[in-house]
Amino acid sequence: MSSFTFVSVADVTLLGAPLFPGKVLDNTWLARCEDLKRAVEDFLCLVPRGQDALLLLRVSFSAPRVQHLLRCAPSVDNPALDLFDGHLRSALSRITNTRLSDTQWLQASLP
């Protein structure tokens, strides 16, 4: 019992996804935003063609972690979602060398 670590209810995570809204959830979303931002900067330098970069963005860079977080954590109305969305929109604009209007971005986001 001496090696037991006390964790407050607000800080509980399960498989990397916070179970309750709060600072831990905010920090987790901010970490995903930083991952995306860093990945986009890195692969834009490495991948010469926009089509390859777009494919890489779509199928890999932190997508499994983001999907897990969206499915398992109470992320509704979290301000970091807007930040993540902004990073994703900026990445898509840089890769395609276009400027997306709000309507185009909403249509691109629909399945």
N, C-alpha and C. Protein backbone atom coordinates (compact mmCIF):
# COMPACT_ATOMS: atom_id res chain seq x y z
N MET A 1 0.80 -1.20 0.00
CA MET A 1 0.00 0.00 0.00
C MET A 1 0.85 1.27 0.00
N SER A 2 2.09 1.16 0.37
CA SER A 2 2.93 2.36 0.44
C SER A 2 3.24 2.91 -0.95
N SER A 3 3.13 2.06 -1.99
CA SER A 3 3.41 2.54 -3.34
C SER A 3 2.16 3.09 -4.04
N PHE A 4 1.02 3.07 -3.36
CA PHE A 4 -0.23 3.59 -3.92
C PHE A 4 -0.15 5.10 -4.09
N THR A 5 -0.53 5.57 -5.25
CA THR A 5 -0.52 7.00 -5.52
C THR A 5 -1.95 7.51 -5.52
N PHE A 6 -2.22 8.51 -4.73
CA PHE A 6 -3.55 9.10 -4.67
C PHE A 6 -3.74 10.03 -5.87
N VAL A 7 -4.85 9.87 -6.57
CA VAL A 7 -5.20 10.72 -7.70
C VAL A 7 -6.58 11.30 -7.43
N SER A 8 -6.69 12.60 -7.54
CA SER A 8 -8.00 13.22 -7.30
C SER A 8 -8.95 12.86 -8.44
N VAL A 9 -10.21 12.93 -8.17
CA VAL A 9 -11.23 12.56 -9.16
C VAL A 9 -11.13 13.44 -10.41
N ALA A 10 -10.78 14.69 -10.26
CA ALA A 10 -10.69 15.60 -11.41
C ALA A 10 -9.53 15.25 -12.33
N ASP A 11 -8.55 14.50 -11.82
CA ASP A 11 -7.36 14.17 -12.61
C ASP A 11 -7.38 12.75 -13.17
N VAL A 12 -8.48 12.04 -13.05
CA VAL A 12 -8.55 10.65 -13.47
C VAL A 12 -8.57 10.56 -15.00
N THR A 13 -7.72 9.67 -15.52
CA THR A 13 -7.72 9.39 -16.95
C THR A 13 -7.83 7.88 -17.13
N LEU A 14 -8.39 7.49 -18.25
CA LEU A 14 -8.50 6.08 -18.60
C LEU A 14 -7.96 5.91 -20.00
N LEU A 15 -6.86 5.20 -20.12
CA LEU A 15 -6.20 4.98 -21.41
C LEU A 15 -5.88 6.29 -22.12
N GLY A 16 -5.47 7.29 -21.35
CA GLY A 16 -5.06 8.56 -21.92
C GLY A 16 -6.17 9.57 -22.13
N ALA A 17 -7.40 9.20 -21.85
CA ALA A 17 -8.53 10.13 -22.02
C ALA A 17 -9.07 10.54 -20.65
N PRO A 18 -9.08 11.83 -20.35
CA PRO A 18 -9.64 12.28 -19.08
C PRO A 18 -11.12 11.94 -18.98
N LEU A 19 -11.54 11.56 -17.80
CA LEU A 19 -12.94 11.15 -17.61
C LEU A 19 -13.86 12.32 -17.26
N PHE A 20 -13.29 13.42 -16.83
CA PHE A 20 -14.09 14.56 -16.41
C PHE A 20 -13.55 15.84 -17.02
N PRO A 21 -14.42 16.83 -17.28
CA PRO A 21 -13.92 18.12 -17.77
C PRO A 21 -13.09 18.80 -16.70
N GLY A 22 -12.16 19.59 -17.15
CA GLY A 22 -11.31 20.31 -16.20
C GLY A 22 -9.94 20.55 -16.79
N LYS A 23 -9.00 20.83 -15.92
CA LYS A 23 -7.65 21.19 -16.35
C LYS A 23 -6.96 20.06 -17.08
N VAL A 24 -7.17 18.83 -16.66
CA VAL A 24 -6.51 17.69 -17.32
C VAL A 24 -7.01 17.55 -18.75
N LEU A 25 -8.30 17.71 -18.97
CA LEU A 25 -8.86 17.64 -20.32
C LEU A 25 -8.33 18.79 -21.18
N ASP A 26 -8.28 19.98 -20.60
CA ASP A 26 -7.75 21.13 -21.34
C ASP A 26 -6.30 20.89 -21.75
N ASN A 27 -5.50 20.39 -20.83
CA ASN A 27 -4.09 20.12 -21.12
C ASN A 27 -3.93 19.02 -22.17
N THR A 28 -4.80 18.03 -22.13
CA THR A 28 -4.74 16.96 -23.11
C THR A 28 -5.06 17.49 -24.50
N TRP A 29 -6.09 18.33 -24.62
CA TRP A 29 -6.42 18.92 -25.92
C TRP A 29 -5.32 19.85 -26.41
N LEU A 30 -4.73 20.60 -25.51
CA LEU A 30 -3.63 21.49 -25.90
C LEU A 30 -2.43 20.68 -26.39
N ALA A 31 -2.21 19.51 -25.79
CA ALA A 31 -1.12 18.64 -26.26
C ALA A 31 -1.42 18.11 -27.66
N ARG A 32 -2.68 17.77 -27.94
CA ARG A 32 -3.04 17.32 -29.29
C ARG A 32 -2.88 18.45 -30.30
N CYS A 33 -3.20 19.69 -29.89
CA CYS A 33 -3.02 20.85 -30.78
C CYS A 33 -1.55 21.05 -31.10
N GLU A 34 -0.71 20.93 -30.09
CA GLU A 34 0.73 21.08 -30.31
C GLU A 34 1.27 19.97 -31.19
N ASP A 35 0.79 18.74 -31.01
CA ASP A 35 1.20 17.62 -31.86
C ASP A 35 0.88 17.90 -33.32
N LEU A 36 -0.35 18.37 -33.56
CA LEU A 36 -0.77 18.66 -34.93
C LEU A 36 0.06 19.79 -35.52
N LYS A 37 0.26 20.84 -34.75
CA LYS A 37 1.02 21.99 -35.24
C LYS A 37 2.46 21.58 -35.59
N ARG A 38 3.08 20.81 -34.71
CA ARG A 38 4.46 20.36 -34.95
C ARG A 38 4.53 19.41 -36.14
N ALA A 39 3.57 18.51 -36.26
CA ALA A 39 3.57 17.56 -37.38
C ALA A 39 3.40 18.28 -38.71
N VAL A 40 2.51 19.26 -38.76
CA VAL A 40 2.29 19.99 -40.01
C VAL A 40 3.55 20.75 -40.40
N GLU A 41 4.19 21.40 -39.45
CA GLU A 41 5.43 22.12 -39.75
C GLU A 41 6.50 21.17 -40.29
N ASP A 42 6.61 20.01 -39.67
CA ASP A 42 7.64 19.05 -40.08
C ASP A 42 7.37 18.47 -41.46
N PHE A 43 6.13 18.03 -41.70
CA PHE A 43 5.93 17.35 -42.98
C PHE A 43 5.77 18.31 -44.14
N LEU A 44 5.47 19.57 -43.90
CA LEU A 44 5.46 20.53 -45.01
C LEU A 44 6.87 20.77 -45.53
N CYS A 45 7.85 20.63 -44.64
CA CYS A 45 9.24 20.77 -45.07
C CYS A 45 9.73 19.51 -45.80
N LEU A 46 9.21 18.37 -45.41
CA LEU A 46 9.70 17.10 -45.95
C LEU A 46 8.98 16.64 -47.21
N VAL A 47 7.70 16.94 -47.31
CA VAL A 47 6.91 16.42 -48.42
C VAL A 47 6.78 17.50 -49.48
N PRO A 48 7.37 17.29 -50.67
CA PRO A 48 7.36 18.35 -51.69
C PRO A 48 6.01 18.55 -52.37
N ARG A 49 5.21 17.50 -52.44
CA ARG A 49 3.94 17.61 -53.16
C ARG A 49 2.78 17.75 -52.18
N GLY A 50 1.88 18.65 -52.49
CA GLY A 50 0.73 18.90 -51.63
C GLY A 50 -0.18 17.71 -51.49
N GLN A 51 -0.32 16.91 -52.55
CA GLN A 51 -1.20 15.75 -52.50
C GLN A 51 -0.70 14.73 -51.48
N ASP A 52 0.61 14.52 -51.43
CA ASP A 52 1.18 13.60 -50.45
C ASP A 52 0.99 14.14 -49.03
N ALA A 53 1.20 15.42 -48.85
CA ALA A 53 1.02 16.04 -47.54
C ALA A 53 -0.43 15.96 -47.09
N LEU A 54 -1.35 16.15 -48.01
CA LEU A 54 -2.77 16.06 -47.68
C LEU A 54 -3.14 14.64 -47.25
N LEU A 55 -2.61 13.66 -47.95
CA LEU A 55 -2.86 12.26 -47.60
C LEU A 55 -2.29 11.94 -46.22
N LEU A 56 -1.08 12.39 -45.96
CA LEU A 56 -0.48 12.17 -44.65
C LEU A 56 -1.29 12.84 -43.54
N LEU A 57 -1.75 14.03 -43.78
CA LEU A 57 -2.55 14.74 -42.78
C LEU A 57 -3.84 13.99 -42.50
N ARG A 58 -4.46 13.48 -43.56
CA ARG A 58 -5.74 12.82 -43.41
C ARG A 58 -5.66 11.49 -42.66
N VAL A 59 -4.63 10.71 -42.92
CA VAL A 59 -4.61 9.35 -42.39
C VAL A 59 -3.71 9.14 -41.19
N SER A 60 -2.90 10.12 -40.84
CA SER A 60 -2.02 9.79 -39.73
C SER A 60 -1.99 10.86 -38.66
N PHE A 61 -1.08 11.75 -38.67
CA PHE A 61 -0.70 12.65 -37.60
C PHE A 61 -1.75 12.88 -36.51
N SER A 62 -1.59 12.13 -35.45
CA SER A 62 -2.37 12.15 -34.21
C SER A 62 -3.86 11.90 -34.42
N ALA A 63 -4.26 11.37 -35.55
CA ALA A 63 -5.67 11.07 -35.77
C ALA A 63 -6.20 10.03 -34.79
N PRO A 64 -5.50 8.93 -34.53
CA PRO A 64 -6.03 7.96 -33.56
C PRO A 64 -6.19 8.56 -32.16
N ARG A 65 -5.25 9.37 -31.74
CA ARG A 65 -5.36 9.98 -30.41
C ARG A 65 -6.53 10.95 -30.34
N VAL A 66 -6.72 11.71 -31.39
CA VAL A 66 -7.82 12.68 -31.41
C VAL A 66 -9.15 11.96 -31.43
N GLN A 67 -9.27 10.92 -32.23
CA GLN A 67 -10.52 10.15 -32.27
C GLN A 67 -10.81 9.52 -30.92
N HIS A 68 -9.79 8.98 -30.28
CA HIS A 68 -9.97 8.39 -28.95
C HIS A 68 -10.43 9.45 -27.95
N LEU A 69 -9.82 10.61 -28.01
CA LEU A 69 -10.18 11.69 -27.11
C LEU A 69 -11.61 12.17 -27.35
N LEU A 70 -11.99 12.29 -28.62
CA LEU A 70 -13.36 12.73 -28.94
C LEU A 70 -14.40 11.71 -28.49
N ARG A 71 -14.07 10.44 -28.60
CA ARG A 71 -15.03 9.39 -28.24
C ARG A 71 -15.13 9.16 -26.75
N CYS A 72 -14.04 9.37 -26.02
CA CYS A 72 -14.00 8.94 -24.62
C CYS A 72 -14.04 10.08 -23.60
N ALA A 73 -13.73 11.28 -24.00
CA ALA A 73 -13.67 12.38 -23.05
C ALA A 73 -14.80 13.37 -23.30
N PRO A 74 -15.32 13.97 -22.24
CA PRO A 74 -16.40 14.96 -22.39
C PRO A 74 -15.86 16.28 -22.93
N SER A 75 -15.70 16.37 -24.23
CA SER A 75 -15.05 17.51 -24.86
C SER A 75 -16.00 18.57 -25.39
N VAL A 76 -17.27 18.45 -25.13
CA VAL A 76 -18.25 19.41 -25.63
C VAL A 76 -17.93 20.80 -25.10
N ASP A 77 -17.92 21.78 -25.99
CA ASP A 77 -17.68 23.19 -25.65
C ASP A 77 -16.29 23.45 -25.05
N ASN A 78 -15.35 22.57 -25.29
CA ASN A 78 -13.99 22.83 -24.82
C ASN A 78 -13.35 23.85 -25.75
N PRO A 79 -12.76 24.92 -25.20
CA PRO A 79 -12.18 25.96 -26.05
C PRO A 79 -11.01 25.46 -26.91
N ALA A 80 -10.37 24.40 -26.51
CA ALA A 80 -9.24 23.87 -27.29
C ALA A 80 -9.72 23.22 -28.59
N LEU A 81 -10.99 22.85 -28.68
CA LEU A 81 -11.51 22.30 -29.93
C LEU A 81 -11.46 23.35 -31.04
N ASP A 82 -11.77 24.59 -30.71
CA ASP A 82 -11.66 25.67 -31.70
C ASP A 82 -10.22 25.88 -32.13
N LEU A 83 -9.31 25.76 -31.18
CA LEU A 83 -7.88 25.89 -31.49
C LEU A 83 -7.43 24.76 -32.41
N PHE A 84 -7.83 23.53 -32.10
CA PHE A 84 -7.48 22.39 -32.93
C PHE A 84 -8.07 22.54 -34.33
N ASP A 85 -9.32 22.98 -34.39
CA ASP A 85 -9.98 23.20 -35.67
C ASP A 85 -9.25 24.27 -36.49
N GLY A 86 -8.80 25.31 -35.82
CA GLY A 86 -8.05 26.36 -36.50
C GLY A 86 -6.72 25.86 -37.05
N HIS A 87 -6.03 25.03 -36.26
CA HIS A 87 -4.77 24.44 -36.74
C HIS A 87 -5.01 23.54 -37.94
N LEU A 88 -6.07 22.76 -37.88
CA LEU A 88 -6.39 21.86 -38.98
C LEU A 88 -6.76 22.64 -40.24
N ARG A 89 -7.53 23.69 -40.08
CA ARG A 89 -7.91 24.52 -41.21
C ARG A 89 -6.70 25.22 -41.83
N SER A 90 -5.82 25.72 -40.96
CA SER A 90 -4.61 26.37 -41.43
C SER A 90 -3.72 25.38 -42.18
N ALA A 91 -3.61 24.18 -41.67
CA ALA A 91 -2.80 23.15 -42.33
C ALA A 91 -3.35 22.83 -43.71
N LEU A 92 -4.66 22.66 -43.79
CA LEU A 92 -5.28 22.35 -45.08
C LEU A 92 -5.10 23.51 -46.07
N SER A 93 -5.21 24.72 -45.58
CA SER A 93 -5.01 25.89 -46.45
C SER A 93 -3.58 25.97 -46.95
N ARG A 94 -2.62 25.69 -46.08
CA ARG A 94 -1.22 25.74 -46.48
C ARG A 94 -0.88 24.64 -47.47
N ILE A 95 -1.42 23.45 -47.24
CA ILE A 95 -1.12 22.32 -48.12
C ILE A 95 -1.70 22.54 -49.51
N THR A 96 -2.93 23.00 -49.57
CA THR A 96 -3.59 23.19 -50.86
C THR A 96 -3.32 24.55 -51.47
N ASN A 97 -2.65 25.42 -50.72
CA ASN A 97 -2.32 26.77 -51.18
C ASN A 97 -3.58 27.54 -51.58
N THR A 98 -4.60 27.41 -50.76
CA THR A 98 -5.86 28.12 -50.98
C THR A 98 -6.30 28.77 -49.67
N ARG A 99 -7.26 29.63 -49.80
CA ARG A 99 -7.86 30.25 -48.62
C ARG A 99 -9.30 29.75 -48.54
N LEU A 100 -9.63 29.03 -47.46
CA LEU A 100 -10.96 28.45 -47.31
C LEU A 100 -11.90 29.42 -46.62
N SER A 101 -13.06 29.63 -47.22
CA SER A 101 -14.08 30.44 -46.56
C SER A 101 -14.73 29.58 -45.46
N ASP A 102 -15.52 30.22 -44.61
CA ASP A 102 -16.20 29.48 -43.55
C ASP A 102 -17.13 28.42 -44.13
N THR A 103 -17.82 28.74 -45.20
CA THR A 103 -18.73 27.79 -45.84
C THR A 103 -17.96 26.61 -46.41
N GLN A 104 -16.86 26.88 -47.08
CA GLN A 104 -16.05 25.79 -47.63
C GLN A 104 -15.49 24.91 -46.53
N TRP A 105 -15.09 25.50 -45.42
CA TRP A 105 -14.54 24.72 -44.32
C TRP A 105 -15.62 23.83 -43.71
N LEU A 106 -16.82 24.37 -43.56
CA LEU A 106 -17.90 23.56 -43.01
C LEU A 106 -18.27 22.41 -43.95
N GLN A 107 -18.26 22.66 -45.24
CA GLN A 107 -18.57 21.60 -46.19
C GLN A 107 -17.46 20.57 -46.24
N ALA A 108 -16.22 20.99 -46.07
CA ALA A 108 -15.10 20.05 -46.06
C ALA A 108 -15.14 19.18 -44.81
N SER A 109 -15.72 19.68 -43.72
CA SER A 109 -15.76 18.95 -42.48
C SER A 109 -16.87 17.90 -42.44
N LEU A 110 -17.86 18.04 -43.30
CA LEU A 110 -18.96 17.09 -43.30
C LEU A 110 -18.52 15.76 -43.90
N PRO A 111 -19.06 14.65 -43.36
CA PRO A 111 -18.69 13.33 -43.91
C PRO A 111 -19.24 13.09 -45.28
